[in-house]
Amino acid sequence: MKTTPAHAAHHGIHGDHESETFDAIVSARGTLAGFRIQSLDPTGRTRELLATDTAGAVLLGCRMRPEETDRLRTDGTLVLPPVPALPFDPYRGHLYTPGGLFAALDKGHAETPDALTYESHGDPIPMVLVNRAHRTERLPVWPLLRSLVRERSTEARITLVDRVEEAPEALKRLSS
């Protein structure tokens, strides 16, 4: 569970200490009003959660039964449920580091969190890069990009053109 009152620094709570932290916050403050609570599993704490003031609280990715969710929403709580089968946390409160995005790169790019996140979005969005000379000679990102998408669904959805005027037609070709 991660909690953040609107007026306090971010507090991260993880693992085995989740229920003790929940109890400590409720006991010390007597309210969760205005808190941001992330990834709480209220198993065994349903009575306490429903008895606590949660008006204006935001619950992100917290696992609850539908009747609990309905009750909290009625009391003025914004409840966004967990999103199953995603290779990333959609409620993450901070940016990924390059090291985090490319963890497992030694197993190939396809195994990195970066690639898994990108692939989870379904069909890739067409991409047109402009200025062939710049992208292949001065700042050669095109060969790198092509190598990263080789044999993936994205490969057929990217192209390189010389002038910006060519981009709309290229985009049409990639979108069909």
C-alpha atoms as a PDB file:
ATOM      1  CA  MET A   1       0.000   0.000   0.000  1.00  0.00           C
ATOM      2  CA  LYS A   2       1.240   3.471  -0.828  1.00  0.00           C
ATOM      3  CA  THR A   3      -0.469   6.447   0.768  1.00  0.00           C
ATOM      4  CA  THR A   4      -0.109  10.163   0.296  1.00  0.00           C
ATOM      5  CA  PRO A   5      -2.181  12.835   2.012  1.00  0.00           C
ATOM      6  CA  ALA A   6      -2.576  15.966  -0.062  1.00  0.00           C
ATOM      7  CA  HIS A   7      -0.398  17.902   2.394  1.00  0.00           C
ATOM      8  CA  ALA A   8       2.397  15.404   3.068  1.00  0.00           C
ATOM      9  CA  ALA A   9       5.408  13.816   1.416  1.00  0.00           C
ATOM     10  CA  HIS A  10       4.963  10.541  -0.445  1.00  0.00           C
ATOM     11  CA  HIS A  11       4.995   7.441   1.742  1.00  0.00           C
ATOM     12  CA  GLY A  12       5.626   4.044   0.132  1.00  0.00           C
ATOM     13  CA  ILE A  13       4.390   0.950   1.906  1.00  0.00           C
ATOM     14  CA  HIS A  14       5.171  -2.493   0.484  1.00  0.00           C
ATOM     15  CA  GLY A  15       4.919  -6.190   1.216  1.00  0.00           C
ATOM     16  CA  ASP A  16       4.362  -7.695   4.647  1.00  0.00           C
ATOM     17  CA  HIS A  17       3.938  -4.346   6.399  1.00  0.00           C
ATOM     18  CA  GLU A  18       0.876  -3.282   4.403  1.00  0.00           C
ATOM     19  CA  SER A  19      -1.750  -4.130   7.032  1.00  0.00           C
ATOM     20  CA  GLU A  20       0.299  -2.721   9.922  1.00  0.00           C
ATOM     21  CA  THR A  21       0.798   0.521   8.025  1.00  0.00           C
ATOM     22  CA  PHE A  22      -2.901   0.758   7.194  1.00  0.00           C
ATOM     23  CA  ASP A  23      -3.749   0.197  10.882  1.00  0.00           C
ATOM     24  CA  ALA A  24      -1.154   2.759  12.008  1.00  0.00           C
ATOM     25  CA  ILE A  25      -2.439   5.455   9.651  1.00  0.00           C
ATOM     26  CA  VAL A  26      -6.077   4.883  10.570  1.00  0.00           C
ATOM     27  CA  SER A  27      -5.200   4.759  14.272  1.00  0.00           C
ATOM     28  CA  ALA A  28      -2.998   7.863  14.228  1.00  0.00           C
ATOM     29  CA  ARG A  29      -5.092  10.048  11.941  1.00  0.00           C
ATOM     30  CA  GLY A  30      -8.563   8.548  12.279  1.00  0.00           C
ATOM     31  CA  THR A  31      -9.183   9.298   8.614  1.00  0.00           C
ATOM     32  CA  LEU A  32      -8.056   8.490   5.118  1.00  0.00           C
ATOM     33  CA  ALA A  33      -9.848  11.532   3.698  1.00  0.00           C
ATOM     34  CA  GLY A  34      -7.705  13.142   1.030  1.00  0.00           C
ATOM     35  CA  PHE A  35      -5.166  10.291   0.950  1.00  0.00           C
ATOM     36  CA  ARG A  36      -3.907   8.551  -2.171  1.00  0.00           C
ATOM     37  CA  ILE A  37      -3.778   4.839  -1.453  1.00  0.00           C
ATOM     38  CA  GLN A  38      -2.139   2.518  -3.921  1.00  0.00           C
ATOM     39  CA  SER A  39      -2.199  -1.279  -4.246  1.00  0.00           C
ATOM     40  CA  LEU A  40      -3.949  -1.935  -0.936  1.00  0.00           C
ATOM     41  CA  ASP A  41      -5.248  -5.440  -0.316  1.00  0.00           C
ATOM     42  CA  PRO A  42      -7.833  -4.765   2.413  1.00  0.00           C
ATOM     43  CA  THR A  43      -8.426  -8.464   3.084  1.00  0.00           C
ATOM     44  CA  GLY A  44      -9.210  -8.678   6.773  1.00  0.00           C
ATOM     45  CA  ARG A  45      -9.532  -4.880   7.020  1.00  0.00           C
ATOM     46  CA  THR A  46     -12.821  -4.335   5.206  1.00  0.00           C
ATOM     47  CA  ARG A  47     -14.720  -3.287   8.343  1.00  0.00           C
ATOM     48  CA  GLU A  48     -12.019  -0.747   9.280  1.00  0.00           C
ATOM     49  CA  LEU A  49     -11.837   0.610   5.735  1.00  0.00           C
ATOM     50  CA  LEU A  50     -15.596   1.066   5.443  1.00  0.00           C
ATOM     51  CA  ALA A  51     -15.820   2.622   8.916  1.00  0.00           C
ATOM     52  CA  THR A  52     -13.080   5.182   8.159  1.00  0.00           C
ATOM     53  CA  ASP A  53     -13.725   8.557   6.528  1.00  0.00           C
ATOM     54  CA  THR A  54     -12.413   8.242   2.964  1.00  0.00           C
ATOM     55  CA  ALA A  55     -14.096  11.284   1.404  1.00  0.00           C
ATOM     56  CA  GLY A  56     -11.833  12.753  -1.249  1.00  0.00           C
ATOM     57  CA  ALA A  57      -9.438   9.801  -1.067  1.00  0.00           C
ATOM     58  CA  VAL A  58      -8.121   8.149  -4.214  1.00  0.00           C
ATOM     59  CA  LEU A  59      -7.647   4.372  -4.215  1.00  0.00           C
ATOM     60  CA  LEU A  60      -5.479   3.185  -7.101  1.00  0.00           C
ATOM     61  CA  GLY A  61      -5.227  -0.489  -7.953  1.00  0.00           C
ATOM     62  CA  CYS A  62      -6.725  -1.653  -4.670  1.00  0.00           C
ATOM     63  CA  ARG A  63      -8.262  -5.135  -4.740  1.00  0.00           C
ATOM     64  CA  MET A  64     -11.819  -5.040  -3.366  1.00  0.00           C
ATOM     65  CA  ARG A  65     -15.167  -6.688  -3.813  1.00  0.00           C
ATOM     66  CA  PRO A  66     -17.703  -4.756  -5.942  1.00  0.00           C
ATOM     67  CA  GLU A  67     -19.930  -3.952  -2.949  1.00  0.00           C
ATOM     68  CA  GLU A  68     -16.957  -2.413  -1.088  1.00  0.00           C
ATOM     69  CA  THR A  69     -16.027  -0.357  -4.142  1.00  0.00           C
ATOM     70  CA  ASP A  70     -19.625   0.853  -4.509  1.00  0.00           C
ATOM     71  CA  ARG A  71     -19.805   1.855  -0.851  1.00  0.00           C
ATOM     72  CA  LEU A  72     -16.538   3.805  -0.986  1.00  0.00           C
ATOM     73  CA  ARG A  73     -17.591   5.594  -4.164  1.00  0.00           C
ATOM     74  CA  THR A  74     -20.902   6.527  -2.519  1.00  0.00           C
ATOM     75  CA  ASP A  75     -18.868   8.063   0.328  1.00  0.00           C
ATOM     76  CA  GLY A  76     -16.914  10.284  -2.104  1.00  0.00           C
ATOM     77  CA  THR A  77     -13.870   8.115  -2.773  1.00  0.00           C
ATOM     78  CA  LEU A  78     -12.392   7.802  -6.249  1.00  0.00           C
ATOM     79  CA  VAL A  79     -11.690   4.081  -6.738  1.00  0.00           C
ATOM     80  CA  LEU A  80      -9.709   2.904  -9.761  1.00  0.00           C
ATOM     81  CA  PRO A  81      -9.446  -0.902  -9.726  1.00  0.00           C
ATOM     82  CA  PRO A  82      -6.412  -2.997 -10.608  1.00  0.00           C
ATOM     83  CA  VAL A  83      -5.859  -3.501 -14.319  1.00  0.00           C
ATOM     84  CA  PRO A  84      -5.048  -7.184 -14.812  1.00  0.00           C
ATOM     85  CA  ALA A  85      -2.571  -8.616 -17.306  1.00  0.00           C
ATOM     86  CA  LEU A  86      -0.508  -5.466 -17.788  1.00  0.00           C
ATOM     87  CA  PRO A  87       3.271  -5.779 -17.658  1.00  0.00           C
ATOM     88  CA  PHE A  88       3.485  -2.436 -15.833  1.00  0.00           C
ATOM     89  CA  ASP A  89       1.772  -0.547 -13.026  1.00  0.00           C
ATOM     90  CA  PRO A  90      -0.684   1.902 -14.658  1.00  0.00           C
ATOM     91  CA  TYR A  91      -0.880   3.890 -11.412  1.00  0.00           C
ATOM     92  CA  ARG A  92       2.874   4.315 -10.998  1.00  0.00           C
ATOM     93  CA  GLY A  93       3.560   7.638  -9.310  1.00  0.00           C
ATOM     94  CA  HIS A  94       7.024   8.320 -10.766  1.00  0.00           C
ATOM     95  CA  LEU A  95       8.972   7.956 -13.985  1.00  0.00           C
ATOM     96  CA  TYR A  96      10.967   4.885 -14.889  1.00  0.00           C
ATOM     97  CA  THR A  97      14.738   5.153 -14.897  1.00  0.00           C
ATOM     98  CA  PRO A  98      16.649   4.032 -17.990  1.00  0.00           C
ATOM     99  CA  GLY A  99      18.008   1.129 -15.935  1.00  0.00           C
ATOM    100  CA  GLY A 100      14.488   0.117 -14.955  1.00  0.00           C
ATOM    101  CA  LEU A 101      13.171   0.296 -18.515  1.00  0.00           C
ATOM    102  CA  PHE A 102      16.015  -1.781 -19.896  1.00  0.00           C
ATOM    103  CA  ALA A 103      16.355  -4.324 -17.087  1.00  0.00           C
ATOM    104  CA  ALA A 104      16.852  -7.800 -18.591  1.00  0.00           C
ATOM    105  CA  LEU A 105      18.401  -6.321 -21.741  1.00  0.00           C
ATOM    106  CA  ASP A 106      20.978  -9.112 -21.577  1.00  0.00           C
ATOM    107  CA  LYS A 107      18.094 -11.480 -22.528  1.00  0.00           C
ATOM    108  CA  GLY A 108      17.237  -9.321 -25.547  1.00  0.00           C
ATOM    109  CA  HIS A 109      15.183  -6.157 -25.952  1.00  0.00           C
ATOM    110  CA  ALA A 110      11.930  -8.141 -26.206  1.00  0.00           C
ATOM    111  CA  GLU A 111      12.289  -9.132 -22.518  1.00  0.00           C
ATOM    112  CA  THR A 112      12.768  -5.609 -21.154  1.00  0.00           C
ATOM    113  CA  PRO A 113       9.992  -3.750 -19.319  1.00  0.00           C
ATOM    114  CA  ASP A 114      10.231  -1.138 -22.087  1.00  0.00           C
ATOM    115  CA  ALA A 115       9.390  -3.673 -24.811  1.00  0.00           C
ATOM    116  CA  LEU A 116       6.749  -5.500 -22.757  1.00  0.00           C
ATOM    117  CA  THR A 117       4.995  -2.216 -21.981  1.00  0.00           C
ATOM    118  CA  TYR A 118       5.074  -1.123 -25.595  1.00  0.00           C
ATOM    119  CA  GLU A 119       3.753  -4.475 -26.851  1.00  0.00           C
ATOM    120  CA  SER A 120       0.894  -4.412 -24.333  1.00  0.00           C
ATOM    121  CA  HIS A 121      -0.656  -1.493 -26.182  1.00  0.00           C
ATOM    122  CA  GLY A 122      -1.710  -3.744 -29.095  1.00  0.00           C
ATOM    123  CA  ASP A 123      -1.269  -2.583 -32.638  1.00  0.00           C
ATOM    124  CA  PRO A 124       1.615  -0.157 -32.957  1.00  0.00           C
ATOM    125  CA  ILE A 125       0.925   3.411 -33.963  1.00  0.00           C
ATOM    126  CA  PRO A 126       2.433   4.360 -37.334  1.00  0.00           C
ATOM    127  CA  MET A 127       5.590   6.444 -37.064  1.00  0.00           C
ATOM    128  CA  VAL A 128       7.130   8.625 -39.794  1.00  0.00           C
ATOM    129  CA  LEU A 129      10.578  10.104 -39.249  1.00  0.00           C
ATOM    130  CA  VAL A 130      11.573  13.055 -41.407  1.00  0.00           C
ATOM    131  CA  ASN A 131      15.012  14.005 -42.808  1.00  0.00           C
ATOM    132  CA  ARG A 132      16.718  10.872 -44.072  1.00  0.00           C
ATOM    133  CA  ALA A 133      20.221  12.390 -44.172  1.00  0.00           C
ATOM    134  CA  HIS A 134      20.003  13.595 -40.588  1.00  0.00           C
ATOM    135  CA  ARG A 135      18.562  10.313 -39.240  1.00  0.00           C
ATOM    136  CA  THR A 136      21.006   8.054 -41.113  1.00  0.00           C
ATOM    137  CA  GLU A 137      24.235  10.096 -41.244  1.00  0.00           C
ATOM    138  CA  ARG A 138      24.432  12.968 -38.747  1.00  0.00           C
ATOM    139  CA  LEU A 139      22.378  11.371 -35.963  1.00  0.00           C
ATOM    140  CA  PRO A 140      22.014   7.749 -37.085  1.00  0.00           C
ATOM    141  CA  VAL A 141      18.975   6.699 -35.063  1.00  0.00           C
ATOM    142  CA  TRP A 142      17.268   5.052 -38.028  1.00  0.00           C
ATOM    143  CA  PRO A 143      19.508   1.942 -38.118  1.00  0.00           C
ATOM    144  CA  LEU A 144      19.107   1.526 -34.345  1.00  0.00           C
ATOM    145  CA  LEU A 145      15.337   1.924 -34.531  1.00  0.00           C
ATOM    146  CA  ARG A 146      15.101  -0.600 -37.376  1.00  0.00           C
ATOM    147  CA  SER A 147      17.161  -3.108 -35.411  1.00  0.00           C
ATOM    148  CA  LEU A 148      14.936  -2.716 -32.345  1.00  0.00           C
ATOM    149  CA  VAL A 149      11.729  -3.420 -34.290  1.00  0.00           C
ATOM    150  CA  ARG A 150      13.052  -6.149 -36.592  1.00  0.00           C
ATOM    151  CA  GLU A 151      10.648  -9.100 -36.785  1.00  0.00           C
ATOM    152  CA  ARG A 152       8.052  -7.335 -34.625  1.00  0.00           C
ATOM    153  CA  SER A 153       4.655  -5.912 -35.513  1.00  0.00           C
ATOM    154  CA  THR A 154       6.146  -2.438 -35.351  1.00  0.00           C
ATOM    155  CA  GLU A 155       8.529  -3.101 -38.249  1.00  0.00           C
ATOM    156  CA  ALA A 156       5.848  -2.556 -40.890  1.00  0.00           C
ATOM    157  CA  ARG A 157       4.551   0.586 -39.161  1.00  0.00           C
ATOM    158  CA  ILE A 158       7.615   2.850 -39.340  1.00  0.00           C
ATOM    159  CA  THR A 159       9.208   4.649 -42.254  1.00  0.00           C
ATOM    160  CA  LEU A 160      11.677   7.377 -43.075  1.00  0.00           C
ATOM    161  CA  VAL A 161      11.098  10.217 -45.558  1.00  0.00           C
ATOM    162  CA  ASP A 162      13.248  13.085 -46.800  1.00  0.00           C
ATOM    163  CA  ARG A 163      10.843  16.017 -46.431  1.00  0.00           C
ATOM    164  CA  VAL A 164       7.961  16.861 -44.108  1.00  0.00           C
ATOM    165  CA  GLU A 165       5.679  17.242 -47.142  1.00  0.00           C
ATOM    166  CA  GLU A 166       6.058  13.485 -47.741  1.00  0.00           C
ATOM    167  CA  ALA A 167       4.917  12.564 -44.227  1.00  0.00           C
ATOM    168  CA  PRO A 168       1.106  12.617 -44.760  1.00  0.00           C
ATOM    169  CA  GLU A 169       1.299  10.210 -47.723  1.00  0.00           C
ATOM    170  CA  ALA A 170       3.704   7.936 -45.844  1.00  0.00           C
ATOM    171  CA  LEU A 171       1.406   7.955 -42.830  1.00  0.00           C
ATOM    172  CA  LYS A 172      -1.536   6.982 -45.043  1.00  0.00           C
ATOM    173  CA  ARG A 173       0.465   4.053 -46.456  1.00  0.00           C
ATOM    174  CA  LEU A 174       1.408   2.849 -42.971  1.00  0.00           C
ATOM    175  CA  SER A 175      -2.168   3.154 -41.693  1.00  0.00           C
ATOM    176  CA  SER A 176      -3.766   1.012 -44.391  1.00  0.00           C
END
